[in-house]
Amino acid sequence: MNETYFEQLEETLYHEQLPNGLNVYILPKKGFSKTYVTFTTKYGSIDREFIPLGKDKTVIVPDGIAHFLEHKMFEKEEGDVFQKFSEKGASANAFTSFTRTAYLFSSTDYILDNTKTLLDFVQQPYFTEQTVEKEKGIIAQEITMYDDQPDWRLYFGAIENMYKEHPVKIDIAGTVESINKITAEHLYECYNTFYHPSNMVLFVVGAVDPKEMMAFIKEDQASKTFEAPQEITRFFPDEQNDVDIKERKLQMDVQKPKVIYGIKSNNVNISGEEMLNYELAMQVAIELVFGRTSAFYQDVYDKGLVDESYSADYSMENGYGFSMIGSDTSNAEELTQTIRQSILNHASEWEFTVEDLKRITRKKIGYFLRALNSIEYIANQFTRYSFNDMNLFDVVPALENLSMEQVKDAFETLRNENAHTVFTIVPFEKNKNE
């Protein structure tokens, strides 16, 4: 078992890769009574085209299948897994994102028992055509519910504007039409391909003895039989640098317009240290130009163009990335024009000082260190970083070493106006006869 001590954070991380390929990480936290365990596969909604395990031909599976599979994993022949966790005082959950599916629990007691339950139910799939058909109605209701949420439609509308080919433009849950095509055979095919231990990470954080927990996990995995690890071949379409749609509006039942100004990133096929530095540089650049302490924000706030819903951030994974600035607003057109002009002005004339950079990096380090008091944050973020060949605990030194040149260069990639898009949700037009 490898031990890594992070002196600045006063944390010791334990790691071992088991013979079946599973990467296990354990982070004991002093002073915590709760333990949080996540079992995560590098498989999300964008993984729709791949070569199934043991086959040589590419398949394209129905949209929404990763999320559908997450739902079905909790249903077993002997009953619902949530009940088993509840009996041992644990709170269990799961989520599916664009790039991963995570199963998790938190508990103060019976940690080993609950870990056994987690490992067993994720590693023992049970699907039948009857239970799959039953689930379609449940997920269809979930899809319909999200379709009625303006903020969700705003976020996905902006992504749909940006991407022409990449499956990140497809809703994580799929569509009612796509999930109706899912069969038990599809689920087993995806499960057997993506739920192999070599494609997964088990992360344990909290009130735990690392040696005892690692020994328990190793014994559990040694008692199970798995196919030999194989590299997974995934396919993603070529994506243009320009956005697919420059501007689009949608009418919904809202009190005032909601708008997102999106900028599609063109530096996305990176990972590891390069990805960590670029991501942090872009986040710092966005904070400098559009954060709540920026001159831009003060201006649009004083003009009444933004309210408390305002946000500005940058997101990326290997293969895609985007900046989003948005708010509920009284004047969507003026706000988007102000955002556009601010991007162009700062891309051509960078006015920030080294002191400005230090202020923002200190602020981000402060937020990060406070976030490390949340074992949920640590577990979920560590796995995301791990799947991109990064280490969560490298964030602080990377921020401390971030140069103004890196930040400026990152922001200048936003200059291309063909990579800009606007998506607006507006109130329904009133009938003139009313």
Protein backbone atom coordinates (compact mmCIF):
# COMPACT_ATOMS: atom_id res chain seq x y z
CA MET A 1 0.00 0.00 0.00
CA ASN A 2 1.48 3.32 -1.09
CA GLU A 3 1.36 6.30 1.29
CA THR A 4 1.58 9.91 0.12
CA TYR A 5 1.83 12.67 2.72
CA PHE A 6 0.75 16.14 1.63
CA GLU A 7 2.60 18.35 4.10
CA GLN A 8 0.83 21.58 3.18
CA LEU A 9 -2.59 19.99 3.76
CA GLU A 10 -1.48 17.64 6.55
CA GLU A 11 -3.21 14.73 4.81
CA THR A 12 -1.98 11.19 4.13
CA LEU A 13 -3.46 9.37 1.14
CA TYR A 14 -3.22 5.58 0.88
CA HIS A 15 -3.42 3.90 -2.52
CA GLU A 16 -3.21 0.44 -3.99
CA GLN A 17 -4.10 -1.01 -7.37
CA LEU A 18 -5.52 -4.49 -6.90
CA PRO A 19 -4.77 -7.47 -9.19
CA ASN A 20 -8.16 -7.02 -10.93
CA GLY A 21 -7.19 -3.44 -11.84
CA LEU A 22 -9.32 -1.61 -9.25
CA ASN A 23 -7.69 1.54 -7.86
CA VAL A 24 -8.45 1.97 -4.15
CA TYR A 25 -7.75 5.25 -2.34
CA ILE A 26 -8.22 5.80 1.39
CA LEU A 27 -7.99 9.17 3.14
CA PRO A 28 -8.43 9.02 6.94
CA LYS A 29 -9.70 12.30 8.43
CA LYS A 30 -8.98 13.09 12.06
CA GLY A 31 -11.85 14.48 14.08
CA PHE A 32 -14.54 13.13 11.74
CA SER A 33 -17.20 10.67 12.91
CA LYS A 34 -18.64 10.00 9.46
CA THR A 35 -17.17 7.96 6.60
CA TYR A 36 -18.03 8.50 2.96
CA VAL A 37 -17.35 5.85 0.30
CA THR A 38 -17.73 6.23 -3.47
CA PHE A 39 -17.44 3.49 -6.08
CA THR A 40 -17.14 5.19 -9.45
CA THR A 41 -16.82 4.01 -13.04
CA LYS A 42 -15.33 6.08 -15.83
CA TYR A 43 -18.53 5.83 -17.81
CA GLY A 44 -20.98 8.63 -18.45
CA SER A 45 -23.57 9.87 -20.87
CA ILE A 46 -21.05 10.77 -23.59
CA ASP A 47 -19.85 7.15 -23.89
CA ARG A 48 -22.40 6.13 -26.50
CA GLU A 49 -20.07 4.72 -29.19
CA PHE A 50 -17.55 2.00 -28.28
CA ILE A 51 -16.36 -1.54 -28.91
CA PRO A 52 -18.04 -3.86 -26.36
CA LEU A 53 -15.85 -6.12 -24.25
CA GLY A 54 -15.07 -9.34 -26.11
CA LYS A 55 -16.27 -8.03 -29.48
CA ASP A 56 -14.55 -6.35 -32.42
CA LYS A 57 -17.31 -4.21 -33.92
CA THR A 58 -18.33 -0.72 -32.85
CA VAL A 59 -21.81 -0.18 -31.38
CA ILE A 60 -23.84 2.97 -30.76
CA VAL A 61 -26.18 2.55 -27.80
CA PRO A 62 -29.36 4.56 -27.08
CA ASP A 63 -28.87 7.97 -25.45
CA GLY A 64 -29.40 8.03 -21.69
CA ILE A 65 -28.27 4.45 -21.13
CA ALA A 66 -25.56 5.27 -18.54
CA HIS A 67 -28.16 7.04 -16.38
CA PHE A 68 -30.69 4.22 -16.98
CA LEU A 69 -28.09 1.66 -15.91
CA GLU A 70 -27.40 3.63 -12.72
CA HIS A 71 -31.10 3.40 -11.82
CA LYS A 72 -31.30 -0.32 -12.53
CA MET A 73 -28.25 -1.22 -10.45
CA PHE A 74 -30.19 -0.63 -7.23
CA GLU A 75 -32.88 -3.18 -8.10
CA LYS A 76 -31.99 -6.78 -7.30
CA GLU A 77 -33.87 -10.06 -7.40
CA GLU A 78 -34.01 -10.12 -3.60
CA GLY A 79 -35.24 -6.53 -3.30
CA ASP A 80 -34.13 -2.91 -3.16
CA VAL A 81 -30.55 -2.15 -2.07
CA PHE A 82 -31.52 1.12 -0.35
CA GLN A 83 -33.30 -0.92 2.34
CA LYS A 84 -30.14 -2.89 3.05
CA PHE A 85 -28.12 0.30 3.54
CA SER A 86 -30.84 1.79 5.72
CA GLU A 87 -30.81 -1.23 8.03
CA LYS A 88 -27.13 -0.51 8.76
CA GLY A 89 -27.64 3.21 9.34
CA ALA A 90 -26.22 4.32 5.99
CA SER A 91 -27.50 6.90 3.53
CA ALA A 92 -26.91 5.74 -0.06
CA ASN A 93 -27.14 7.53 -3.39
CA ALA A 94 -25.81 7.60 -6.95
CA PHE A 95 -25.36 10.02 -9.83
CA THR A 96 -24.48 10.02 -13.51
CA SER A 97 -22.59 12.83 -15.21
CA PHE A 98 -21.24 13.30 -18.72
CA THR A 99 -18.13 11.24 -17.91
CA ARG A 100 -18.75 9.05 -14.86
CA THR A 101 -21.27 7.14 -12.77
CA ALA A 102 -20.84 7.05 -9.00
CA TYR A 103 -22.43 4.93 -6.29
CA LEU A 104 -21.95 6.05 -2.70
CA PHE A 105 -22.93 5.89 0.92
CA SER A 106 -22.18 7.77 4.12
CA SER A 107 -22.40 6.33 7.60
CA THR A 108 -21.03 6.59 11.12
CA ASP A 109 -21.41 2.86 11.94
CA TYR A 110 -21.05 -0.53 10.25
CA ILE A 111 -18.59 0.92 7.72
CA LEU A 112 -17.22 -2.45 6.62
CA ASP A 113 -20.71 -3.96 6.30
CA ASN A 114 -21.89 -1.02 4.22
CA THR A 115 -18.76 -1.14 2.07
CA LYS A 116 -19.50 -4.82 1.42
CA THR A 117 -23.05 -3.92 0.37
CA LEU A 118 -21.72 -1.22 -1.96
CA LEU A 119 -19.18 -3.52 -3.60
CA ASP A 120 -21.64 -6.39 -3.96
CA PHE A 121 -24.54 -4.53 -5.50
CA VAL A 122 -22.37 -2.66 -8.01
CA GLN A 123 -20.53 -5.86 -8.96
CA GLN A 124 -23.61 -8.09 -9.25
CA PRO A 125 -25.87 -6.79 -12.04
CA TYR A 126 -29.44 -8.02 -12.38
CA PHE A 127 -31.54 -6.93 -15.36
CA THR A 128 -34.64 -8.48 -16.92
CA GLU A 129 -36.79 -7.24 -19.78
CA GLN A 130 -39.71 -6.87 -17.35
CA THR A 131 -37.82 -4.65 -14.87
CA VAL A 132 -36.30 -2.63 -17.74
CA GLU A 133 -39.77 -1.91 -19.18
CA LYS A 134 -41.01 -0.85 -15.74
CA GLU A 135 -38.10 1.59 -15.33
CA LYS A 136 -38.80 3.34 -18.64
CA GLY A 137 -41.93 4.96 -17.27
CA ILE A 138 -40.12 6.18 -14.15
CA ILE A 139 -37.24 7.73 -16.10
CA ALA A 140 -39.61 9.21 -18.68
CA GLN A 141 -41.28 11.11 -15.82
CA GLU A 142 -37.87 12.31 -14.63
CA ILE A 143 -37.03 13.55 -18.15
CA THR A 144 -40.35 15.38 -18.38
CA MET A 145 -39.75 16.96 -14.98
CA TYR A 146 -36.35 18.33 -16.05
CA ASP A 147 -37.86 19.58 -19.32
CA ASP A 148 -40.06 21.85 -17.20
CA GLN A 149 -37.16 23.35 -15.21
CA PRO A 150 -36.00 26.64 -16.81
CA ASP A 151 -32.49 26.64 -15.28
CA TRP A 152 -31.81 23.10 -16.53
CA ARG A 153 -33.12 23.97 -20.00
CA LEU A 154 -30.96 27.12 -19.99
CA TYR A 155 -27.79 25.18 -19.16
CA PHE A 156 -28.39 22.45 -21.72
CA GLY A 157 -29.64 24.91 -24.30
CA ALA A 158 -26.30 26.70 -24.18
CA ILE A 159 -24.41 23.40 -24.57
CA GLU A 160 -26.67 22.38 -27.48
CA ASN A 161 -25.84 25.69 -29.15
CA MET A 162 -22.11 25.05 -28.80
CA TYR A 163 -21.77 21.48 -29.99
CA LYS A 164 -22.74 20.06 -33.36
CA GLU A 165 -21.42 16.48 -33.09
CA HIS A 166 -20.03 15.78 -29.61
CA PRO A 167 -22.48 13.80 -27.40
CA VAL A 168 -22.04 16.29 -24.53
CA LYS A 169 -24.92 18.11 -26.28
CA ILE A 170 -27.26 15.23 -25.42
CA ASP A 171 -29.14 15.35 -22.11
CA ILE A 172 -27.62 12.94 -19.57
CA ALA A 173 -30.98 11.21 -19.12
CA GLY A 174 -31.57 10.94 -22.87
CA THR A 175 -35.03 11.45 -24.33
CA VAL A 176 -38.28 9.57 -23.84
CA GLU A 177 -37.81 8.19 -27.36
CA SER A 178 -34.20 7.05 -26.78
CA ILE A 179 -34.81 5.30 -23.45
CA ASN A 180 -37.70 3.36 -24.96
CA LYS A 181 -35.11 1.64 -27.19
CA ILE A 182 -33.08 0.34 -24.23
CA THR A 183 -33.11 -3.43 -23.61
CA ALA A 184 -31.67 -5.66 -20.89
CA GLU A 185 -29.12 -6.82 -23.46
CA HIS A 186 -27.98 -3.20 -23.94
CA LEU A 187 -27.53 -2.83 -20.17
CA TYR A 188 -25.45 -5.99 -19.84
CA GLU A 189 -23.31 -4.96 -22.82
CA CYS A 190 -22.56 -1.54 -21.27
CA TYR A 191 -22.13 -2.99 -17.80
CA ASN A 192 -19.67 -5.69 -18.91
CA THR A 193 -17.63 -3.11 -20.83
CA PHE A 194 -17.49 -0.19 -18.43
CA TYR A 195 -17.99 -1.69 -14.96
CA HIS A 196 -14.82 -3.76 -14.97
CA PRO A 197 -12.74 -2.98 -11.82
CA SER A 198 -9.90 -1.71 -14.02
CA ASN A 199 -12.19 1.13 -15.19
CA MET A 200 -13.26 2.05 -11.65
CA VAL A 201 -12.05 3.85 -8.52
CA LEU A 202 -13.05 3.12 -4.93
CA PHE A 203 -12.49 6.11 -2.65
CA VAL A 204 -12.89 5.99 1.13
CA VAL A 205 -12.65 9.13 3.27
CA GLY A 206 -13.42 9.87 6.92
CA ALA A 207 -13.26 7.99 10.22
CA VAL A 208 -11.50 4.91 8.92
CA ASP A 209 -8.46 2.75 9.68
CA PRO A 210 -6.69 2.59 6.29
CA LYS A 211 -4.96 -0.76 6.88
CA GLU A 212 -8.11 -2.47 8.10
CA MET A 213 -10.20 -1.04 5.24
CA MET A 214 -7.64 -1.91 2.55
CA ALA A 215 -7.33 -5.48 3.84
CA PHE A 216 -11.13 -5.82 3.83
CA ILE A 217 -11.45 -4.53 0.26
CA LYS A 218 -8.62 -6.74 -1.01
CA GLU A 219 -10.20 -9.82 0.55
CA ASP A 220 -13.59 -8.97 -0.96
CA GLN A 221 -12.19 -8.45 -4.46
CA ALA A 222 -10.02 -11.58 -4.29
CA SER A 223 -13.15 -13.64 -3.59
CA LYS A 224 -14.78 -12.52 -6.87
CA THR A 225 -14.01 -13.52 -10.45
CA PHE A 226 -13.51 -10.96 -13.23
CA GLU A 227 -12.43 -11.07 -16.84
CA ALA A 228 -8.85 -10.00 -17.49
CA PRO A 229 -8.54 -6.18 -17.75
CA GLN A 230 -8.84 -4.85 -21.30
CA GLU A 231 -8.45 -1.37 -22.67
CA ILE A 232 -11.79 0.20 -23.58
CA THR A 233 -12.03 1.64 -27.09
CA ARG A 234 -14.36 4.66 -27.19
CA PHE A 235 -15.17 6.80 -30.20
CA PHE A 236 -16.05 10.49 -30.32
CA PRO A 237 -16.88 12.45 -33.47
CA ASP A 238 -14.65 15.24 -34.73
CA GLU A 239 -15.95 18.54 -33.42
CA GLN A 240 -15.45 21.92 -35.08
CA ASN A 241 -14.03 24.83 -33.10
CA ASP A 242 -16.96 27.09 -33.99
CA VAL A 243 -20.31 26.83 -32.23
CA ASP A 244 -23.19 25.11 -33.98
CA ILE A 245 -25.80 27.81 -33.28
CA LYS A 246 -24.91 31.45 -32.58
CA GLU A 247 -28.12 32.49 -30.88
CA ARG A 248 -31.38 30.85 -29.83
CA LYS A 249 -34.39 31.66 -27.68
CA LEU A 250 -36.93 29.50 -25.89
CA GLN A 251 -40.24 30.62 -24.39
CA MET A 252 -41.04 29.21 -20.96
CA ASP A 253 -43.08 30.09 -17.88
CA VAL A 254 -40.56 32.51 -16.30
CA GLN A 255 -41.01 35.94 -14.72
CA LYS A 256 -38.10 37.56 -16.58
CA PRO A 257 -35.52 36.46 -19.15
CA LYS A 258 -32.69 34.08 -18.30
CA VAL A 259 -29.56 34.16 -20.43
CA ILE A 260 -26.25 32.32 -20.77
CA TYR A 261 -23.36 33.61 -22.83
CA GLY A 262 -21.31 30.52 -23.69
CA ILE A 263 -17.80 30.27 -25.12
CA LYS A 264 -16.67 26.94 -26.52
CA SER A 265 -13.12 25.96 -25.60
CA ASN A 266 -10.70 24.87 -28.32
CA ASN A 267 -8.03 23.44 -25.99
CA VAL A 268 -9.67 20.24 -24.79
CA ASN A 269 -7.61 17.22 -25.84
CA ILE A 270 -5.32 17.42 -22.83
CA SER A 271 -5.00 15.63 -19.50
CA GLY A 272 -2.76 15.39 -16.45
CA GLU A 273 -0.66 18.35 -15.33
CA GLU A 274 -1.32 20.24 -18.56
CA MET A 275 -5.07 19.98 -18.02
CA LEU A 276 -4.80 20.97 -14.35
CA ASN A 277 -2.79 24.11 -15.13
CA TYR A 278 -4.99 25.14 -18.05
CA GLU A 279 -8.23 24.57 -16.14
CA LEU A 280 -7.02 26.59 -13.15
CA ALA A 281 -5.67 29.36 -15.41
CA MET A 282 -9.01 29.63 -17.19
CA GLN A 283 -10.98 29.62 -13.93
CA VAL A 284 -8.76 32.38 -12.52
CA ALA A 285 -9.09 34.38 -15.76
CA ILE A 286 -12.89 34.12 -15.67
CA GLU A 287 -12.86 35.19 -12.02
CA LEU A 288 -10.64 38.20 -12.78
CA VAL A 289 -12.80 39.42 -15.66
CA PHE A 290 -16.29 38.29 -14.65
CA GLY A 291 -16.18 37.41 -10.94
CA ARG A 292 -18.29 39.20 -8.36
CA THR A 293 -15.37 41.40 -7.36
CA SER A 294 -14.68 42.48 -10.96
CA ALA A 295 -15.34 45.89 -12.52
CA PHE A 296 -17.58 44.14 -15.05
CA TYR A 297 -19.83 42.73 -12.35
CA GLN A 298 -20.08 46.04 -10.52
CA ASP A 299 -21.09 47.74 -13.77
CA VAL A 300 -23.83 45.29 -14.79
CA TYR A 301 -25.09 45.04 -11.22
CA ASP A 302 -25.38 48.84 -10.90
CA LYS A 303 -27.32 48.90 -14.18
CA GLY A 304 -29.73 46.24 -12.90
CA LEU A 305 -28.69 43.77 -15.61
CA VAL A 306 -27.91 40.92 -13.18
CA ASP A 307 -29.23 39.65 -9.85
CA GLU A 308 -28.28 36.99 -7.30
CA SER A 309 -28.63 34.26 -9.93
CA TYR A 310 -25.50 35.57 -11.70
CA SER A 311 -22.69 33.08 -12.29
CA ALA A 312 -19.48 32.89 -14.30
CA ASP A 313 -17.42 29.72 -14.50
CA TYR A 314 -15.41 27.34 -16.65
CA SER A 315 -15.93 23.58 -16.98
CA MET A 316 -13.90 20.99 -18.85
CA GLU A 317 -13.24 17.31 -19.28
CA ASN A 318 -11.01 15.57 -21.76
CA GLY A 319 -12.69 16.24 -25.12
CA TYR A 320 -14.82 19.28 -24.32
CA GLY A 321 -14.86 22.48 -22.33
CA PHE A 322 -16.77 25.75 -22.07
CA SER A 323 -17.12 29.02 -20.21
CA MET A 324 -20.57 30.21 -19.19
CA ILE A 325 -21.59 33.65 -17.94
CA GLY A 326 -25.25 34.17 -17.18
CA SER A 327 -28.04 35.55 -15.05
CA ASP A 328 -31.71 36.31 -14.82
CA THR A 329 -31.89 39.76 -16.36
CA SER A 330 -34.17 42.64 -17.25
CA ASN A 331 -32.35 43.17 -20.56
CA ALA A 332 -30.75 40.05 -22.05
CA GLU A 333 -29.53 41.82 -25.17
CA GLU A 334 -27.66 44.55 -23.31
CA LEU A 335 -26.14 42.05 -20.89
CA THR A 336 -24.86 39.75 -23.64
CA GLN A 337 -23.42 42.67 -25.59
CA THR A 338 -21.62 43.87 -22.46
CA ILE A 339 -20.20 40.36 -21.87
CA ARG A 340 -19.06 40.10 -25.51
CA GLN A 341 -17.37 43.49 -25.43
CA SER A 342 -15.63 42.71 -22.15
CA ILE A 343 -14.19 39.49 -23.60
CA LEU A 344 -12.87 41.24 -26.68
CA ASN A 345 -11.45 44.17 -24.69
CA HIS A 346 -9.54 41.96 -22.22
CA ALA A 347 -8.37 39.53 -24.91
CA SER A 348 -6.66 42.43 -26.72
CA GLU A 349 -5.58 44.47 -23.69
CA TRP A 350 -4.89 42.60 -20.46
CA GLU A 351 -5.01 45.18 -17.68
CA PHE A 352 -4.65 43.03 -14.56
CA THR A 353 -1.66 43.20 -12.25
CA VAL A 354 0.30 40.56 -10.37
CA GLU A 355 -1.46 41.75 -7.21
CA ASP A 356 -4.84 41.06 -8.85
CA LEU A 357 -3.66 37.56 -9.68
CA LYS A 358 -2.45 36.95 -6.13
CA ARG A 359 -5.77 38.16 -4.74
CA ILE A 360 -7.79 35.73 -6.86
CA THR A 361 -5.47 32.75 -6.34
CA ARG A 362 -5.49 33.35 -2.57
CA LYS A 363 -9.28 33.48 -2.70
CA LYS A 364 -9.47 30.20 -4.67
CA ILE A 365 -7.01 28.51 -2.30
CA GLY A 366 -9.15 29.63 0.63
CA TYR A 367 -12.30 28.18 -0.94
CA PHE A 368 -10.46 24.96 -1.74
CA LEU A 369 -9.09 24.50 1.79
CA ARG A 370 -12.54 25.09 3.26
CA ALA A 371 -13.98 22.57 0.80
CA LEU A 372 -11.54 19.96 2.13
CA ASN A 373 -13.59 19.98 5.34
CA SER A 374 -16.32 18.26 3.32
CA ILE A 375 -15.64 14.55 2.88
CA GLU A 376 -18.32 14.48 0.16
CA TYR A 377 -16.44 17.14 -1.82
CA ILE A 378 -13.13 15.33 -1.44
CA ALA A 379 -14.47 11.97 -2.60
CA ASN A 380 -16.37 13.27 -5.61
CA GLN A 381 -13.70 15.66 -6.77
CA PHE A 382 -10.78 13.29 -6.20
CA THR A 383 -12.34 10.70 -8.51
CA ARG A 384 -12.99 13.27 -11.21
CA TYR A 385 -9.38 14.45 -11.05
CA SER A 386 -8.10 10.85 -11.01
CA PHE A 387 -9.98 9.94 -14.20
CA ASN A 388 -8.24 12.87 -15.91
CA ASP A 389 -4.78 11.80 -14.65
CA MET A 390 -4.71 14.68 -12.17
CA ASN A 391 -4.42 14.76 -8.38
CA LEU A 392 -6.85 16.82 -6.33
CA PHE A 393 -4.13 17.58 -3.80
CA ASP A 394 -1.98 19.25 -6.46
CA VAL A 395 -4.50 22.11 -6.75
CA VAL A 396 -2.97 24.36 -4.07
CA PRO A 397 0.65 24.21 -5.32
CA ALA A 398 -0.58 24.59 -8.91
CA LEU A 399 -2.50 27.75 -7.94
CA GLU A 400 0.49 29.10 -6.03
CA ASN A 401 2.71 28.60 -9.09
CA LEU A 402 0.22 29.96 -11.63
CA SER A 403 1.76 32.75 -13.70
CA MET A 404 0.09 35.80 -15.19
CA GLU A 405 1.23 34.59 -18.62
CA GLN A 406 -0.69 31.32 -18.19
CA VAL A 407 -3.83 33.18 -17.15
CA LYS A 408 -3.56 35.70 -19.96
CA ASP A 409 -2.90 33.00 -22.58
CA ALA A 410 -5.90 31.00 -21.37
CA PHE A 411 -8.22 34.00 -21.61
CA GLU A 412 -7.00 34.90 -25.09
CA THR A 413 -8.39 31.59 -26.36
CA LEU A 414 -11.86 33.13 -25.81
CA ARG A 415 -11.19 35.76 -28.48
CA ASN A 416 -12.69 33.75 -31.38
CA GLU A 417 -16.22 35.14 -31.76
CA ASN A 418 -17.25 32.12 -33.81
CA ALA A 419 -16.92 30.14 -30.57
CA HIS A 420 -19.43 32.43 -28.79
CA THR A 421 -23.12 31.64 -28.40
CA VAL A 422 -26.15 33.05 -26.59
CA PHE A 423 -29.08 31.06 -25.28
CA THR A 424 -32.02 32.91 -23.76
CA ILE A 425 -35.20 31.79 -22.06
CA VAL A 426 -37.92 34.42 -22.29
CA PRO A 427 -41.42 34.65 -20.79
CA PHE A 428 -44.34 33.56 -22.92
CA GLU A 429 -45.66 36.38 -25.05
CA LYS A 430 -48.91 37.76 -23.78
CA ASN A 431 -51.93 37.54 -26.01
CA LYS A 432 -52.61 41.02 -27.40
CA ASN A 433 -56.35 40.49 -26.91
CA GLU A 434 -55.94 39.93 -23.17
